[in-house]
Amino acid sequence: MRIGRRGLVATAILASISTWVVSTKTKGRSFSDIGELREVVMTVARAKTGVTNVAADPSDSARFTSVVGGMTVTSDVTNLFSFLSAYPDEDAEDAITRFVRSIPDAREPLIDDSRIVAVIRSRDYVEEARRTGVDLLHEPAGADLMIVYMADQPDSMTAIKVEDLPGKTVADVRAIALRNVREWLPKVVSDDSMGAGVLYYVDGNTLLSTSLVLVEEFWRSVAKRFPGDVLIALPRKDQLFVFDDDGSARTRALVRRLIAATVEDNFALLSPLLYARRGGRIILVSD
């Protein structure tokens, strides 16, 4: 695990937060708009064995339909477009290929123990799924956050429904999921270029970045940098920000500014709220 270390410099973060966040959204991929990307994805989809009758949705420039195994499937490239815009160094061809491969995979997910992981989502995420008739396998993580269990497939992350794992208790699934998340600890990368606090993410599987808050081994590994209570920001599903919880209004204001700038970026959003980890528990921080 590569853990960077740099002292908190409040004046530096005031000058750098906006620049640091905006840099991820101004380095755009060369697609002129989401419709152009959709056309490229549809072309790749038409060449995929088992995918037929690919057609654009005339009412939504991000969506298209295709037929997979006799079933009509609707796909949306919004997240793919946002991903390529936010991560311009990523191989677009590879990302598009993964997206197309995930179309049939999503119809018949294969869930075995090696694929089960735990991710952090909001209570609204779980409730919205329930409103559509899907009962996700989940449990509370603290404050308004939820642990949602997913199948980490090669080309997609698929939420697990309660009925998908018959015979397993939530405790069984939790133990399996956290064991699998721990296997990614050697891939954790830190970025302290903000000048205050540290951004952590999982290289090669960024959607497990927020899962780190659930793993005691992660907290032990950063204890030298963060020996006490910490503030936690989870504005995006693929990033974990950690700051010293020094009790000052100034530090909280700095973190809230980071959250606001990230939310404005409007990519893979998770929560606009500020949290703290105190005594091993995640709580909501209110001013």
Protein backbone atom coordinates (compact mmCIF):
# COMPACT_ATOMS: atom_id res chain seq x y z
CA MET A 1 0.00 0.00 0.00
CA ARG A 2 1.45 3.34 -1.01
CA ILE A 3 0.58 5.86 1.69
CA GLY A 4 1.65 9.44 1.09
CA ARG A 5 2.30 11.84 3.93
CA ARG A 6 2.18 15.60 4.01
CA GLY A 7 1.30 17.99 6.79
CA LEU A 8 -1.98 19.87 6.71
CA VAL A 9 -1.55 23.26 5.13
CA ALA A 10 -4.80 25.17 5.37
CA THR A 11 -3.75 28.04 3.16
CA ALA A 12 -2.69 25.63 0.41
CA ILE A 13 -6.03 23.90 0.25
CA LEU A 14 -7.87 27.20 -0.04
CA ALA A 15 -5.97 27.92 -3.22
CA SER A 16 -5.86 24.40 -4.61
CA ILE A 17 -9.18 22.62 -3.99
CA SER A 18 -11.01 24.14 -6.93
CA THR A 19 -8.04 23.67 -9.24
CA TRP A 20 -7.54 20.08 -8.07
CA VAL A 21 -11.18 19.13 -8.62
CA VAL A 22 -11.71 21.08 -11.82
CA SER A 23 -8.64 19.45 -13.38
CA THR A 24 -10.55 16.18 -13.49
CA LYS A 25 -13.38 17.69 -15.46
CA THR A 26 -11.60 20.02 -17.86
CA LYS A 27 -9.39 17.34 -19.38
CA GLY A 28 -12.15 16.11 -21.68
CA ARG A 29 -12.21 13.13 -23.98
CA SER A 30 -12.59 14.12 -27.64
CA PHE A 31 -16.22 13.06 -27.98
CA SER A 32 -18.10 16.25 -28.85
CA ASP A 33 -21.22 15.15 -26.98
CA ILE A 34 -22.90 12.11 -25.48
CA GLY A 35 -24.73 11.35 -28.72
CA GLU A 36 -21.43 10.92 -30.55
CA LEU A 37 -20.25 8.48 -27.91
CA ARG A 38 -23.52 6.55 -28.17
CA GLU A 39 -23.00 6.09 -31.91
CA VAL A 40 -19.54 4.62 -31.31
CA VAL A 41 -20.85 2.29 -28.61
CA MET A 42 -23.73 1.16 -30.84
CA THR A 43 -21.29 0.36 -33.66
CA VAL A 44 -19.25 -1.81 -31.31
CA ALA A 45 -22.42 -3.43 -29.95
CA ARG A 46 -23.57 -4.39 -33.46
CA ALA A 47 -20.34 -6.34 -33.95
CA LYS A 48 -20.79 -8.27 -30.71
CA THR A 49 -21.92 -11.87 -31.06
CA GLY A 50 -25.36 -12.35 -29.55
CA VAL A 51 -26.32 -8.67 -29.67
CA THR A 52 -28.80 -7.75 -32.41
CA ASN A 53 -31.29 -5.06 -33.45
CA VAL A 54 -29.28 -2.19 -31.96
CA ALA A 55 -31.29 1.04 -32.21
CA ALA A 56 -30.96 4.56 -30.83
CA ASP A 57 -33.61 5.91 -28.47
CA PRO A 58 -35.07 8.92 -30.34
CA SER A 59 -36.11 10.61 -27.10
CA ASP A 60 -32.80 10.29 -25.20
CA SER A 61 -29.37 10.87 -26.76
CA ALA A 62 -27.69 8.64 -24.15
CA ARG A 63 -29.83 5.52 -24.51
CA PHE A 64 -30.16 2.73 -27.02
CA THR A 65 -31.83 -0.67 -27.18
CA SER A 66 -30.57 -4.04 -28.35
CA VAL A 67 -31.77 -7.61 -28.32
CA VAL A 68 -29.76 -10.14 -26.30
CA GLY A 69 -30.92 -13.75 -26.21
CA GLY A 70 -34.41 -12.75 -27.30
CA MET A 71 -34.68 -10.09 -24.61
CA THR A 72 -34.78 -6.35 -25.35
CA VAL A 73 -32.18 -4.53 -23.29
CA THR A 74 -31.93 -0.77 -22.75
CA SER A 75 -28.44 0.67 -22.27
CA ASP A 76 -27.43 4.16 -21.13
CA VAL A 77 -23.96 5.62 -21.85
CA THR A 78 -24.28 8.56 -19.44
CA ASN A 79 -21.90 7.13 -16.85
CA LEU A 80 -19.47 5.98 -19.54
CA PHE A 81 -19.41 9.50 -21.01
CA SER A 82 -18.81 11.00 -17.57
CA PHE A 83 -16.09 8.45 -16.85
CA LEU A 84 -14.19 9.19 -20.06
CA SER A 85 -14.50 12.91 -19.43
CA ALA A 86 -13.28 12.65 -15.85
CA TYR A 87 -10.48 10.20 -16.63
CA PRO A 88 -8.99 11.27 -19.98
CA ASP A 89 -5.97 9.03 -19.51
CA GLU A 90 -8.15 5.93 -19.64
CA ASP A 91 -8.20 3.91 -22.87
CA ALA A 92 -11.55 4.85 -24.44
CA GLU A 93 -11.59 1.83 -26.72
CA ASP A 94 -11.07 -0.49 -23.78
CA ALA A 95 -13.76 1.26 -21.71
CA ILE A 96 -16.26 1.02 -24.56
CA THR A 97 -15.45 -2.66 -25.10
CA ARG A 98 -16.02 -3.37 -21.40
CA PHE A 99 -19.33 -1.49 -21.56
CA VAL A 100 -20.54 -3.55 -24.51
CA ARG A 101 -19.38 -6.82 -22.94
CA SER A 102 -21.39 -5.97 -19.82
CA ILE A 103 -24.68 -5.85 -21.74
CA PRO A 104 -25.27 -9.63 -21.88
CA ASP A 105 -23.41 -10.18 -18.59
CA ALA A 106 -25.92 -8.00 -16.79
CA ARG A 107 -28.82 -10.21 -17.88
CA GLU A 108 -27.58 -13.39 -16.17
CA PRO A 109 -25.17 -12.43 -13.42
CA LEU A 110 -22.98 -15.19 -12.05
CA ILE A 111 -22.59 -14.70 -8.33
CA ASP A 112 -20.01 -16.77 -6.51
CA ASP A 113 -18.22 -16.05 -3.26
CA SER A 114 -15.11 -14.67 -4.96
CA ARG A 115 -17.20 -11.91 -6.58
CA ILE A 116 -19.11 -10.64 -3.55
CA VAL A 117 -17.98 -7.23 -2.29
CA ALA A 118 -19.32 -4.49 -0.03
CA VAL A 119 -19.71 -0.91 -1.25
CA ILE A 120 -20.97 2.26 0.41
CA ARG A 121 -24.17 3.84 -0.85
CA SER A 122 -26.70 6.29 0.56
CA ARG A 123 -30.01 5.43 2.15
CA ASP A 124 -31.70 7.12 -0.83
CA TYR A 125 -30.00 4.64 -3.18
CA VAL A 126 -31.48 1.69 -1.30
CA GLU A 127 -34.91 3.29 -0.99
CA GLU A 128 -35.03 4.17 -4.67
CA ALA A 129 -34.27 0.56 -5.56
CA ARG A 130 -37.04 -0.57 -3.20
CA ARG A 131 -39.48 1.79 -4.90
CA THR A 132 -38.78 -0.01 -8.18
CA GLY A 133 -39.47 -3.37 -6.55
CA VAL A 134 -35.84 -4.41 -5.94
CA ASP A 135 -34.87 -5.41 -2.40
CA LEU A 136 -31.09 -4.95 -2.27
CA LEU A 137 -29.00 -6.96 0.14
CA HIS A 138 -27.77 -4.26 2.51
CA GLU A 139 -27.25 -3.17 6.11
CA PRO A 140 -26.50 0.12 7.91
CA ALA A 141 -22.97 1.51 7.81
CA GLY A 142 -23.58 4.50 10.09
CA ALA A 143 -25.35 7.86 9.74
CA ASP A 144 -27.36 7.74 6.49
CA LEU A 145 -24.86 5.44 4.76
CA MET A 146 -25.55 1.84 3.78
CA ILE A 147 -23.38 -1.17 3.08
CA VAL A 148 -24.70 -2.56 -0.20
CA TYR A 149 -23.49 -5.98 -1.33
CA MET A 150 -22.61 -6.31 -5.00
CA ALA A 151 -21.19 -8.83 -7.46
CA ASP A 152 -17.88 -7.52 -8.77
CA GLN A 153 -18.05 -8.90 -12.31
CA PRO A 154 -15.20 -8.42 -14.81
CA ASP A 155 -17.10 -5.73 -16.71
CA SER A 156 -19.68 -4.43 -14.25
CA MET A 157 -20.63 -4.02 -10.60
CA THR A 158 -24.06 -5.56 -10.06
CA ALA A 159 -26.16 -5.04 -6.95
CA ILE A 160 -27.14 -8.27 -5.21
CA LYS A 161 -30.78 -8.84 -4.36
CA VAL A 162 -31.85 -10.63 -1.21
CA GLU A 163 -33.02 -13.65 -3.21
CA ASP A 164 -29.73 -13.97 -5.12
CA LEU A 165 -27.90 -15.68 -2.25
CA PRO A 166 -30.28 -18.22 -0.71
CA GLY A 167 -29.00 -19.93 2.39
CA LYS A 168 -26.58 -17.15 3.33
CA THR A 169 -27.18 -14.82 6.25
CA VAL A 170 -26.18 -11.15 6.13
CA ALA A 171 -23.33 -12.02 8.51
CA ASP A 172 -22.13 -14.70 6.09
CA VAL A 173 -22.21 -12.27 3.17
CA ARG A 174 -20.47 -9.54 5.20
CA ALA A 175 -17.56 -11.84 6.07
CA ILE A 176 -17.15 -12.94 2.45
CA ALA A 177 -17.45 -9.41 1.05
CA LEU A 178 -14.94 -7.82 3.42
CA ARG A 179 -12.48 -10.65 2.83
CA ASN A 180 -12.64 -9.90 -0.90
CA VAL A 181 -12.24 -6.14 -0.32
CA ARG A 182 -9.14 -6.79 1.81
CA GLU A 183 -7.51 -8.50 -1.16
CA TRP A 184 -7.43 -5.09 -2.87
CA LEU A 185 -5.52 -3.36 -0.05
CA PRO A 186 -2.15 -3.65 -1.86
CA LYS A 187 -3.72 -1.60 -4.68
CA VAL A 188 -4.68 1.36 -2.47
CA VAL A 189 -3.12 4.61 -3.69
CA SER A 190 -2.95 7.91 -1.80
CA ASP A 191 -2.91 11.43 -3.19
CA ASP A 192 -2.03 14.28 -0.83
CA SER A 193 -1.54 16.89 -3.57
CA MET A 194 -4.38 19.00 -2.18
CA GLY A 195 -2.07 20.14 0.59
CA ALA A 196 -4.47 18.96 3.30
CA GLY A 197 -5.98 15.60 4.01
CA VAL A 198 -5.54 12.62 1.73
CA LEU A 199 -7.49 11.15 -1.16
CA TYR A 200 -7.48 7.35 -1.22
CA TYR A 201 -8.62 5.15 -4.10
CA VAL A 202 -8.23 1.55 -5.21
CA ASP A 203 -6.15 1.33 -8.36
CA GLY A 204 -7.85 -0.96 -10.86
CA ASN A 205 -11.16 -1.07 -9.00
CA THR A 206 -12.05 2.47 -7.95
CA LEU A 207 -15.62 1.56 -6.99
CA LEU A 208 -14.14 -0.19 -3.95
CA SER A 209 -12.51 3.04 -2.74
CA THR A 210 -15.31 3.98 -0.35
CA SER A 211 -15.38 0.37 0.90
CA LEU A 212 -12.09 1.08 2.68
CA VAL A 213 -13.98 2.73 5.54
CA LEU A 214 -15.28 -0.75 6.46
CA VAL A 215 -11.88 -2.42 6.69
CA GLU A 216 -9.98 -2.23 9.98
CA GLU A 217 -6.72 -3.15 8.27
CA PHE A 218 -6.98 0.01 6.18
CA TRP A 219 -7.41 2.21 9.25
CA ARG A 220 -4.45 0.55 10.95
CA SER A 221 -2.33 1.17 7.86
CA VAL A 222 -3.03 4.93 7.96
CA ALA A 223 -2.89 5.30 11.75
CA LYS A 224 0.51 7.01 11.63
CA ARG A 225 -0.91 9.71 9.36
CA PHE A 226 -4.29 9.82 11.12
CA PRO A 227 -3.72 8.71 14.73
CA GLY A 228 -7.04 10.00 16.07
CA ASP A 229 -10.57 10.68 14.91
CA VAL A 230 -11.00 11.67 11.28
CA LEU A 231 -13.37 13.56 9.03
CA ILE A 232 -14.57 11.58 6.02
CA ALA A 233 -15.84 12.94 2.71
CA LEU A 234 -17.50 10.59 0.21
CA PRO A 235 -18.81 12.92 -2.50
CA ARG A 236 -18.09 10.33 -5.21
CA LYS A 237 -18.52 6.56 -5.34
CA ASP A 238 -14.91 6.06 -6.41
CA GLN A 239 -13.03 8.26 -3.91
CA LEU A 240 -12.41 8.41 -0.16
CA PHE A 241 -11.17 11.68 1.40
CA VAL A 242 -9.79 11.61 4.94
CA PHE A 243 -8.89 14.64 7.10
CA ASP A 244 -7.79 15.06 10.71
CA ASP A 245 -10.78 15.73 12.95
CA ASP A 246 -9.13 18.56 14.84
CA GLY A 247 -12.41 20.15 15.91
CA SER A 248 -11.80 23.41 14.11
CA ALA A 249 -14.47 25.14 12.08
CA ARG A 250 -11.78 26.03 9.54
CA THR A 251 -10.98 22.40 8.75
CA ARG A 252 -14.66 21.55 8.37
CA ALA A 253 -15.15 24.52 6.06
CA LEU A 254 -12.25 23.35 3.90
CA VAL A 255 -13.68 19.85 3.62
CA ARG A 256 -17.14 21.17 2.82
CA ARG A 257 -15.64 23.28 0.07
CA LEU A 258 -14.04 20.18 -1.41
CA ILE A 259 -17.38 18.35 -1.26
CA ALA A 260 -19.20 21.25 -2.94
CA ALA A 261 -16.63 21.42 -5.75
CA THR A 262 -16.85 17.67 -6.31
CA VAL A 263 -20.66 17.66 -6.32
CA GLU A 264 -20.57 20.47 -8.88
CA ASP A 265 -18.50 18.14 -11.07
CA ASN A 266 -21.61 15.88 -11.11
CA PHE A 267 -19.88 12.55 -11.72
CA ALA A 268 -20.56 9.28 -9.84
CA LEU A 269 -22.00 11.20 -6.89
CA LEU A 270 -22.50 9.46 -3.56
CA SER A 271 -23.11 11.97 -0.74
CA PRO A 272 -22.85 15.75 -0.24
CA LEU A 273 -22.64 15.31 3.54
CA LEU A 274 -19.69 15.40 5.93
CA TYR A 275 -18.97 12.39 8.14
CA ALA A 276 -16.57 11.52 10.92
CA ARG A 277 -15.13 8.26 12.21
CA ARG A 278 -15.04 8.37 15.97
CA GLY A 279 -14.38 5.36 18.14
CA GLY A 280 -14.69 3.14 15.06
CA ARG A 281 -18.20 4.43 14.26
CA ILE A 282 -19.25 6.56 11.29
CA ILE A 283 -21.39 9.53 12.28
CA LEU A 284 -22.83 12.56 10.52
CA VAL A 285 -21.14 15.91 11.21
CA SER A 286 -23.36 18.97 11.47
CA ASP A 287 -22.22 22.51 12.09
